[in-house]
């Protein structure tokens, strides 16, 4: 039995308060027992359910545990059985304090692991003496054949509760699947409804740009039209990101798999990133992707994944830095590596950055430019990358020695994609700055 240490005073050594844990889901009963026992010098801990009671018992190691049998959720029987099966709490006396008065309740409680049984309503004059009695080591006994009989009843009750719980979980799971399908259907519907007006706006804006450019003295108006076009393009990009995340969550990413030449996908992406890289005075180098076999992939989604990773590298690499993108064959897969000379990522963030809405910087410090150094964002780009790569049967991860804006340790993102089964080699194809690569 756990015994609290004594405490010292100027008059000598006084015994510490005995600690009692009361596990009861009725707040009125807890207040009554707490008041009675504290008036007798006990320290009383409380828990309003069985799971909390087990946690408090493990942490506080009380001298005695009082537990109500008929609690919702985890019953007192189950609490007693669990605590008696744990090394640190096995020797703590457990007493059932319950209103159950049906024949056999006492025996069932003792069979489940309780050391004693106190029926309700509580005798306020007798309760402190009963607690003293069990703290002194008293333990109620039942005949072995009765224990065996009650354990069999208890086992049947546990099986019945398990069956009920499984049935409830199955119903809840079916409801979740229904709601998930509704969500997926809504996302698909919304993607069609929103994409159409965005496409029209973007098309009309570019027609207006063409008309304005032919007018005399229209420089200011043309500048306004260019800004409107850029804003519309940015809105469409945000829309695509949110829709893609929703589709990934709903496991509804509809990939159109075809044999894909990685050289073409990377070249297209590099062309898009060119203006941003030049504005930031960055060096973007691509290794030679022309020697790779074709892979089965959706070229548009793959380009988006590559673009998001390179954009992330641009965002966290100071002006004048370098970004290298190159392939490495790894057995039956190809590892697409994007390495930068940026500020790096703390190790504890390596997994978290792929979660939704994670922004590792103070958002108040973000600029409004997507490609500006430490530029803002929704914290969804890398979530989309992971969803796309995993949907292709691959995986994505990051390597970095930590974040240091002064030392600039850099970061490496890896996107591993499966190759056709006939391709297998451990030879590195190309690397940062290899001959045959491309510099933007």
Protein backbone atom coordinates (compact mmCIF):
# COMPACT_ATOMS: atom_id res chain seq x y z
CA UNK A 1 0.00 0.00 0.00
CA UNK A 2 1.28 3.46 -0.87
CA UNK A 3 1.80 5.62 2.23
CA UNK A 4 2.42 9.33 2.01
CA UNK A 5 5.64 10.54 3.71
CA UNK A 6 5.50 12.26 7.06
CA UNK A 7 5.94 16.02 7.37
CA UNK A 8 8.09 17.84 9.93
CA UNK A 9 7.03 20.66 12.23
CA UNK A 10 8.62 22.55 15.11
CA UNK A 11 6.88 20.16 17.51
CA UNK A 12 8.29 17.02 15.92
CA UNK A 13 7.21 14.64 13.16
CA UNK A 14 3.53 14.67 12.25
CA UNK A 15 1.86 12.11 9.96
CA UNK A 16 0.99 13.43 6.53
CA UNK A 17 -2.63 13.56 5.48
CA UNK A 18 -3.91 10.28 4.11
CA UNK A 19 -4.88 10.72 0.50
CA UNK A 20 -8.20 9.37 -0.79
CA UNK A 21 -9.31 9.38 -4.43
CA UNK A 22 -13.06 9.39 -5.06
CA UNK A 23 -14.17 8.39 -8.58
CA UNK A 24 -17.82 9.39 -9.02
CA UNK A 25 -19.79 10.95 -11.87
CA UNK A 26 -22.35 12.60 -9.54
CA UNK A 27 -21.03 15.98 -8.38
CA UNK A 28 -23.34 16.09 -5.33
CA UNK A 29 -22.00 12.77 -4.03
CA UNK A 30 -18.42 13.96 -4.58
CA UNK A 31 -19.02 17.17 -2.60
CA UNK A 32 -20.58 15.27 0.31
CA UNK A 33 -17.80 12.69 0.59
CA UNK A 34 -15.11 15.34 0.14
CA UNK A 35 -16.57 17.48 2.95
CA UNK A 36 -16.94 14.51 5.33
CA UNK A 37 -13.44 13.16 4.82
CA UNK A 38 -11.66 16.53 4.79
CA UNK A 39 -13.30 17.32 8.14
CA UNK A 40 -11.59 14.17 9.42
CA UNK A 41 -8.17 15.30 8.14
CA UNK A 42 -8.02 13.43 4.83
CA UNK A 43 -6.80 14.89 1.56
CA UNK A 44 -9.48 14.09 -1.05
CA UNK A 45 -8.82 13.90 -4.79
CA UNK A 46 -11.69 13.72 -7.27
CA UNK A 47 -12.37 12.27 -10.70
CA UNK A 48 -15.71 12.48 -12.51
CA UNK A 49 -15.27 9.41 -14.74
CA UNK A 50 -13.41 6.14 -14.86
CA UNK A 51 -10.75 7.17 -17.38
CA UNK A 52 -9.89 10.29 -15.34
CA UNK A 53 -9.84 8.18 -12.18
CA UNK A 54 -7.23 5.83 -13.62
CA UNK A 55 -5.08 8.77 -14.73
CA UNK A 56 -5.27 10.45 -11.29
CA UNK A 57 -4.54 7.15 -9.51
CA UNK A 58 -1.41 6.57 -11.61
CA UNK A 59 -0.18 10.11 -11.07
CA UNK A 60 -1.07 10.71 -7.40
CA UNK A 61 -0.86 7.13 -5.99
CA UNK A 62 -3.50 7.69 -3.28
CA UNK A 63 -3.69 5.62 -0.09
CA UNK A 64 -7.27 4.53 -0.85
CA UNK A 65 -9.64 4.67 -3.83
CA UNK A 66 -13.40 4.98 -3.49
CA UNK A 67 -15.23 4.23 -6.73
CA UNK A 68 -18.86 4.34 -7.80
CA UNK A 69 -19.85 1.19 -9.66
CA UNK A 70 -22.66 2.49 -11.87
CA UNK A 71 -20.87 5.26 -13.77
CA UNK A 72 -21.54 6.03 -17.39
CA UNK A 73 -18.80 5.10 -19.82
CA UNK A 74 -16.23 3.09 -17.89
CA UNK A 75 -17.86 1.35 -14.93
CA UNK A 76 -16.42 1.07 -11.44
CA UNK A 77 -15.90 -2.66 -12.02
CA UNK A 78 -13.71 -1.90 -15.02
CA UNK A 79 -11.79 0.80 -13.13
CA UNK A 80 -11.03 -1.67 -10.31
CA UNK A 81 -9.97 -4.40 -12.74
CA UNK A 82 -7.68 -2.03 -14.63
CA UNK A 83 -6.03 -0.56 -11.51
CA UNK A 84 -5.45 -3.98 -9.96
CA UNK A 85 -3.75 -5.07 -13.15
CA UNK A 86 -1.23 -2.20 -13.12
CA UNK A 87 2.00 -2.62 -11.19
CA UNK A 88 2.03 0.87 -9.63
CA UNK A 89 -1.57 0.75 -8.40
CA UNK A 90 -2.10 -2.97 -7.74
CA UNK A 91 -1.62 -2.69 -3.95
CA UNK A 92 -3.84 0.37 -3.41
CA UNK A 93 -7.09 -0.69 -1.67
CA UNK A 94 -10.20 -0.03 -3.76
CA UNK A 95 -13.63 0.25 -2.14
CA UNK A 96 -16.91 0.31 -4.04
CA UNK A 97 -19.07 3.17 -2.77
CA UNK A 98 -22.30 2.73 -4.65
CA UNK A 99 -26.09 2.83 -4.56
CA UNK A 100 -26.32 -0.61 -6.14
CA UNK A 101 -28.32 -2.83 -3.80
CA UNK A 102 -29.30 -5.70 -6.12
CA UNK A 103 -28.47 -9.12 -4.82
CA UNK A 104 -24.95 -10.09 -5.85
CA UNK A 105 -23.68 -6.50 -6.35
CA UNK A 106 -21.25 -6.77 -3.44
CA UNK A 107 -19.88 -10.12 -4.65
CA UNK A 108 -19.56 -8.87 -8.23
CA UNK A 109 -17.61 -5.81 -7.06
CA UNK A 110 -15.23 -7.92 -4.99
CA UNK A 111 -14.72 -10.35 -7.87
CA UNK A 112 -13.89 -7.45 -10.20
CA UNK A 113 -11.04 -6.31 -7.94
CA UNK A 114 -12.56 -4.20 -5.15
CA UNK A 115 -11.31 -4.81 -1.61
CA UNK A 116 -14.50 -3.65 0.06
CA UNK A 117 -18.06 -2.50 -0.48
CA UNK A 118 -19.90 0.46 1.11
CA UNK A 119 -23.55 0.86 0.08
CA UNK A 120 -25.35 4.16 -0.38
CA UNK A 121 -26.99 6.18 1.08
CA UNK A 122 -23.83 7.06 2.97
CA UNK A 123 -23.91 6.96 6.77
CA UNK A 124 -22.19 10.29 7.44
CA UNK A 125 -21.22 9.23 10.97
CA UNK A 126 -19.86 5.85 9.94
CA UNK A 127 -18.04 6.67 6.67
CA UNK A 128 -14.77 7.98 8.24
CA UNK A 129 -14.55 4.84 10.38
CA UNK A 130 -15.17 2.64 7.33
CA UNK A 131 -12.40 4.44 5.44
CA UNK A 132 -10.05 4.00 8.45
CA UNK A 133 -10.97 0.33 8.49
CA UNK A 134 -9.90 -0.28 4.88
CA UNK A 135 -6.81 1.93 5.22
CA UNK A 136 -5.74 -0.30 8.10
CA UNK A 137 -5.66 -3.23 5.70
CA UNK A 138 -9.13 -4.73 6.01
CA UNK A 139 -10.26 -6.73 2.99
CA UNK A 140 -13.62 -8.34 2.44
CA UNK A 141 -13.62 -11.94 1.20
CA UNK A 142 -16.01 -14.12 -0.73
CA UNK A 143 -16.05 -17.86 -1.27
CA UNK A 144 -14.04 -19.08 -4.22
CA UNK A 145 -17.01 -20.67 -5.97
CA UNK A 146 -18.90 -17.37 -5.63
CA UNK A 147 -15.92 -15.47 -7.04
CA UNK A 148 -15.78 -17.84 -10.02
CA UNK A 149 -19.52 -17.43 -10.64
CA UNK A 150 -19.36 -13.62 -10.45
CA UNK A 151 -16.29 -13.47 -12.67
CA UNK A 152 -18.19 -15.43 -15.29
CA UNK A 153 -21.10 -12.97 -15.02
CA UNK A 154 -18.64 -10.07 -15.20
CA UNK A 155 -17.00 -11.54 -18.30
CA UNK A 156 -20.36 -11.91 -20.02
CA UNK A 157 -21.19 -8.29 -19.15
CA UNK A 158 -17.89 -7.12 -20.64
CA UNK A 159 -18.55 -9.07 -23.84
CA UNK A 160 -22.06 -7.59 -24.08
CA UNK A 161 -20.68 -4.07 -23.54
CA UNK A 162 -18.02 -4.71 -26.17
CA UNK A 163 -20.63 -5.88 -28.67
CA UNK A 164 -22.75 -2.81 -27.96
CA UNK A 165 -19.73 -0.53 -28.33
CA UNK A 166 -18.71 -2.14 -31.62
CA UNK A 167 -22.25 -1.75 -32.96
CA UNK A 168 -22.28 1.93 -31.94
CA UNK A 169 -18.90 2.48 -33.58
CA UNK A 170 -20.10 0.81 -36.76
CA UNK A 171 -23.14 3.10 -36.86
CA UNK A 172 -20.95 6.14 -36.19
CA UNK A 173 -18.52 5.04 -38.90
CA UNK A 174 -21.35 4.63 -41.38
CA UNK A 175 -22.56 8.13 -40.56
CA UNK A 176 -19.04 9.51 -41.00
CA UNK A 177 -18.78 7.84 -44.40
CA UNK A 178 -22.11 9.37 -45.38
CA UNK A 179 -21.00 12.84 -44.28
CA UNK A 180 -17.65 12.34 -46.00
CA UNK A 181 -19.41 11.48 -49.25
CA UNK A 182 -21.59 14.59 -48.91
CA UNK A 183 -18.42 16.63 -48.42
CA UNK A 184 -16.79 15.04 -51.45
CA UNK A 185 -19.88 15.64 -53.58
CA UNK A 186 -20.01 19.27 -52.43
CA UNK A 187 -16.35 19.82 -53.29
CA UNK A 188 -16.86 18.42 -56.78
CA UNK A 189 -19.98 20.55 -57.30
CA UNK A 190 -18.26 23.66 -55.95
CA UNK A 191 -15.25 23.08 -58.18
CA UNK A 192 -17.50 23.25 -61.24
CA UNK A 193 -19.59 26.16 -60.02
CA UNK A 194 -16.62 28.33 -59.02
CA UNK A 195 -14.28 27.43 -61.84
CA UNK A 196 -16.65 28.67 -64.55
CA UNK A 197 -16.97 32.34 -63.40
CA UNK A 198 -13.27 32.50 -62.58
CA UNK A 199 -12.38 31.31 -66.07
CA UNK A 200 -14.74 33.85 -67.62
CA UNK A 201 -13.36 36.71 -65.53
CA UNK A 202 -9.77 35.80 -66.39
CA UNK A 203 -10.63 35.51 -70.11
CA UNK A 204 -12.50 38.83 -70.26
CA UNK A 205 -9.74 40.63 -68.35
CA UNK A 206 -7.14 39.47 -70.88
CA UNK A 207 -9.38 40.51 -73.80
CA UNK A 208 -9.71 43.95 -72.19
CA UNK A 209 -5.92 44.10 -71.77
CA UNK A 210 -5.50 43.48 -75.48
CA UNK A 211 -8.01 46.21 -76.36
CA UNK A 212 -6.50 48.72 -73.94
CA UNK A 213 -2.97 48.11 -75.20
CA UNK A 214 -4.02 49.43 -78.64
CA UNK A 215 -5.30 52.74 -77.29
CA UNK A 216 -3.25 55.93 -77.28
CA UNK A 217 -2.03 57.09 -73.86
CA UNK A 218 -3.38 54.01 -72.11
CA UNK A 219 -0.31 53.16 -69.98
CA UNK A 220 -2.02 53.81 -66.67
CA UNK A 221 -5.16 51.90 -67.66
CA UNK A 222 -3.05 49.03 -68.98
CA UNK A 223 -1.20 48.90 -65.65
CA UNK A 224 -4.54 48.64 -63.85
CA UNK A 225 -5.64 45.85 -66.19
CA UNK A 226 -2.39 43.97 -65.56
CA UNK A 227 -2.94 44.25 -61.82
CA UNK A 228 -6.50 42.97 -62.23
CA UNK A 229 -5.25 40.07 -64.35
CA UNK A 230 -2.60 39.16 -61.75
CA UNK A 231 -5.17 39.33 -58.94
CA UNK A 232 -7.59 37.11 -60.86
CA UNK A 233 -4.80 34.62 -61.56
CA UNK A 234 -3.85 34.59 -57.88
CA UNK A 235 -7.50 34.04 -56.89
CA UNK A 236 -7.74 31.10 -59.30
CA UNK A 237 -4.56 29.65 -57.83
CA UNK A 238 -5.92 29.94 -54.27
CA UNK A 239 -9.14 28.32 -55.43
CA UNK A 240 -7.20 25.41 -56.96
CA UNK A 241 -5.21 24.94 -53.75
CA UNK A 242 -8.27 24.85 -51.50
CA UNK A 243 -10.14 22.52 -53.86
CA UNK A 244 -7.13 20.19 -54.10
CA UNK A 245 -6.79 20.01 -50.31
CA UNK A 246 -10.50 19.21 -50.04
CA UNK A 247 -10.22 16.50 -52.68
CA UNK A 248 -7.17 15.03 -50.93
CA UNK A 249 -9.03 14.98 -47.61
CA UNK A 250 -11.98 13.25 -49.26
CA UNK A 251 -9.66 10.76 -51.04
CA UNK A 252 -11.22 12.00 -54.28
CA UNK A 253 -8.14 13.25 -56.14
CA UNK A 254 -8.94 12.14 -59.67
CA UNK A 255 -5.59 11.40 -61.28
CA UNK A 256 -5.46 10.97 -65.05
CA UNK A 257 -2.47 8.65 -65.31
CA UNK A 258 -0.50 8.62 -68.52
CA UNK A 259 3.16 7.87 -69.40
CA UNK A 260 4.91 11.09 -68.38
CA UNK A 261 8.29 12.43 -69.39
CA UNK A 262 9.66 14.15 -66.28
CA UNK A 263 11.87 16.37 -68.42
CA UNK A 264 8.81 17.98 -70.00
CA UNK A 265 7.04 18.49 -66.66
CA UNK A 266 10.11 20.02 -65.05
CA UNK A 267 10.81 22.26 -68.05
CA UNK A 268 7.25 23.59 -67.96
CA UNK A 269 7.50 24.30 -64.26
CA UNK A 270 10.87 26.05 -64.65
CA UNK A 271 9.39 28.32 -67.30
CA UNK A 272 6.66 29.41 -64.88
CA UNK A 273 9.14 30.04 -62.06
CA UNK A 274 11.57 32.01 -64.23
CA UNK A 275 10.22 35.54 -63.60
CA UNK A 276 10.03 35.09 -59.83
CA UNK A 277 13.55 33.64 -59.69
CA UNK A 278 14.96 36.56 -61.69
CA UNK A 279 13.20 39.15 -59.54
CA UNK A 280 14.84 37.62 -56.47
CA UNK A 281 18.27 37.24 -58.12
CA UNK A 282 18.21 33.50 -57.35
CA UNK A 283 19.96 30.75 -59.28
CA UNK A 284 17.64 27.84 -60.10
CA UNK A 285 19.52 24.87 -61.53
CA UNK A 286 17.90 21.70 -62.85
CA UNK A 287 19.82 18.48 -63.37
CA UNK A 288 19.44 16.38 -66.50
CA UNK A 289 15.97 14.80 -66.43
CA UNK A 290 16.20 13.65 -70.04
CA UNK A 291 17.75 10.29 -69.19
CA UNK A 292 14.85 9.14 -67.03
CA UNK A 293 12.30 6.54 -68.09
CA UNK A 294 8.71 7.68 -68.30
CA UNK A 295 6.54 7.21 -65.23
CA UNK A 296 2.80 6.69 -64.89
CA UNK A 297 1.51 9.98 -63.52
CA UNK A 298 -0.88 12.88 -63.94
CA UNK A 299 1.35 15.54 -65.53
CA UNK A 300 -0.72 18.52 -64.33
CA UNK A 301 -0.81 17.39 -60.70
CA UNK A 302 2.86 16.44 -60.83
CA UNK A 303 3.77 19.90 -62.18
CA UNK A 304 1.78 21.46 -59.33
CA UNK A 305 3.64 19.40 -56.73
CA UNK A 306 7.04 20.36 -58.19
CA UNK A 307 5.98 23.99 -58.45
CA UNK A 308 4.84 24.12 -54.81
CA UNK A 309 8.14 22.70 -53.54
CA UNK A 310 10.25 25.05 -55.67
CA UNK A 311 8.03 28.00 -54.65
CA UNK A 312 8.61 27.06 -51.03
CA UNK A 313 12.37 27.04 -51.66
CA UNK A 314 12.14 30.46 -53.31
CA UNK A 315 10.16 31.80 -50.37
CA UNK A 316 12.70 30.74 -47.75
CA UNK A 317 15.92 31.43 -49.68
CA UNK A 318 17.34 34.97 -49.35
CA UNK A 319 18.01 37.03 -52.47
CA UNK A 320 21.15 35.85 -54.26
CA UNK A 321 20.79 32.24 -53.07
CA UNK A 322 20.62 29.03 -55.07
CA UNK A 323 18.04 26.28 -55.63
CA UNK A 324 18.98 22.98 -57.25
CA UNK A 325 16.51 20.40 -58.57
CA UNK A 326 17.82 17.03 -59.65
CA UNK A 327 16.78 13.35 -59.94
CA UNK A 328 18.33 10.30 -58.29
CA UNK A 329 17.42 6.70 -59.09
CA UNK A 330 16.68 4.73 -55.91
CA UNK A 331 16.04 1.11 -56.87
CA UNK A 332 12.58 0.96 -58.43
CA UNK A 333 11.85 4.65 -57.79
CA UNK A 334 13.15 8.06 -58.72
CA UNK A 335 13.85 10.64 -56.03
CA UNK A 336 13.21 14.22 -57.16
CA UNK A 337 15.32 16.43 -54.89
CA UNK A 338 14.90 20.20 -54.43
CA UNK A 339 17.83 21.62 -52.44
CA UNK A 340 18.11 25.27 -51.44
CA UNK A 341 20.54 27.53 -49.58
CA UNK A 342 17.79 29.02 -47.43
CA UNK A 343 17.17 29.50 -43.74
CA UNK A 344 16.43 25.82 -43.07
CA UNK A 345 13.75 24.07 -41.01
CA UNK A 346 13.92 22.99 -37.37
CA UNK A 347 13.92 19.19 -37.00
CA UNK A 348 10.73 19.18 -34.91
CA UNK A 349 8.94 20.82 -37.85
CA UNK A 350 9.99 18.25 -40.47
CA UNK A 351 6.71 16.32 -40.26
CA UNK A 352 4.45 19.16 -39.15
CA UNK A 353 5.06 21.34 -42.22
CA UNK A 354 3.08 18.89 -44.36
CA UNK A 355 -0.03 19.33 -42.21
CA UNK A 356 -2.83 21.70 -43.19
CA UNK A 357 -2.55 25.39 -42.31
CA UNK A 358 0.89 25.03 -40.71
CA UNK A 359 2.92 28.24 -41.03
CA UNK A 360 6.24 28.01 -39.18
CA UNK A 361 6.81 31.77 -39.17
CA UNK A 362 5.01 34.59 -37.39
CA UNK A 363 2.27 35.46 -39.89
CA UNK A 364 2.55 39.14 -38.90
CA UNK A 365 6.04 39.12 -40.43
CA UNK A 366 4.93 37.75 -43.79
CA UNK A 367 5.04 39.90 -46.86
CA UNK A 368 2.10 39.98 -49.24
CA UNK A 369 4.15 38.53 -52.10
CA UNK A 370 3.91 34.81 -52.64
CA UNK A 371 7.48 34.59 -53.95
CA UNK A 372 8.99 37.37 -51.82
CA UNK A 373 11.42 36.35 -49.12
CA UNK A 374 9.32 34.97 -46.23
CA UNK A 375 6.22 35.67 -48.30
CA UNK A 376 2.76 34.84 -47.01
CA UNK A 377 0.56 31.86 -47.76
CA UNK A 378 -2.29 29.70 -46.45
CA UNK A 379 -0.05 26.91 -45.17
CA UNK A 380 -1.54 24.46 -47.72
CA UNK A 381 1.13 24.19 -50.42
CA UNK A 382 3.11 21.35 -48.86
CA UNK A 383 -0.10 19.59 -47.84
CA UNK A 384 -1.03 19.50 -51.52
CA UNK A 385 2.46 18.22 -52.38
CA UNK A 386 2.17 15.33 -49.95
CA UNK A 387 -1.33 14.46 -51.16
CA UNK A 388 -0.30 14.45 -54.81
CA UNK A 389 2.89 12.43 -54.32
CA UNK A 390 1.18 9.87 -52.07
CA UNK A 391 -1.70 9.58 -54.56
CA UNK A 392 0.97 8.54 -57.11
CA UNK A 393 2.19 5.81 -54.74
CA UNK A 394 5.22 7.81 -53.59
CA UNK A 395 6.26 9.64 -50.48
CA UNK A 396 7.71 13.02 -49.56
CA UNK A 397 10.05 14.09 -46.77
CA UNK A 398 12.44 16.88 -45.85
CA UNK A 399 16.03 17.09 -44.60
CA UNK A 400 17.52 20.11 -42.84
CA UNK A 401 19.98 20.71 -40.02
CA UNK A 402 17.71 23.33 -38.48
CA UNK A 403 16.63 26.91 -38.94
CA UNK A 404 19.31 29.59 -38.91
CA UNK A 405 18.75 32.84 -40.88
CA UNK A 406 22.41 33.76 -40.41
CA UNK A 407 24.20 30.49 -41.16
CA UNK A 408 21.67 29.44 -43.86
CA UNK A 409 21.91 25.63 -43.52
CA UNK A 410 19.45 25.09 -46.38
CA UNK A 411 16.79 22.44 -46.92
CA UNK A 412 16.35 19.37 -49.12
CA UNK A 413 12.88 18.21 -50.13
CA UNK A 414 12.57 14.67 -51.47
CA UNK A 415 9.70 13.50 -53.69
CA UNK A 416 10.04 9.75 -54.29
CA UNK A 417 8.00 8.43 -57.23
CA UNK A 418 7.72 4.78 -58.37
CA UNK A 419 9.20 3.81 -61.72
CA UNK A 420 7.83 1.17 -64.09
CA UNK A 421 8.62 -2.27 -62.67
CA UNK A 422 11.11 -2.96 -65.46
CA UNK A 423 13.36 -0.10 -64.31
CA UNK A 424 15.72 -0.81 -61.43
CA UNK A 425 19.04 0.90 -60.69
CA UNK A 426 20.83 2.55 -57.80
CA UNK A 427 22.84 4.83 -60.04
CA UNK A 428 22.60 8.58 -59.55
CA UNK A 429 21.44 10.18 -62.78
CA UNK A 430 22.11 13.84 -62.20
CA UNK A 431 22.84 16.26 -59.45
CA UNK A 432 23.05 19.88 -58.54
CA UNK A 433 24.81 21.63 -61.38
CA UNK A 434 25.58 18.42 -63.35
CA UNK A 435 26.43 18.86 -67.02
CA UNK A 436 23.39 18.63 -69.20
CA UNK A 437 21.24 20.45 -66.65
CA UNK A 438 19.38 23.70 -67.01
CA UNK A 439 19.99 27.01 -65.28
CA UNK A 440 17.18 29.56 -64.90
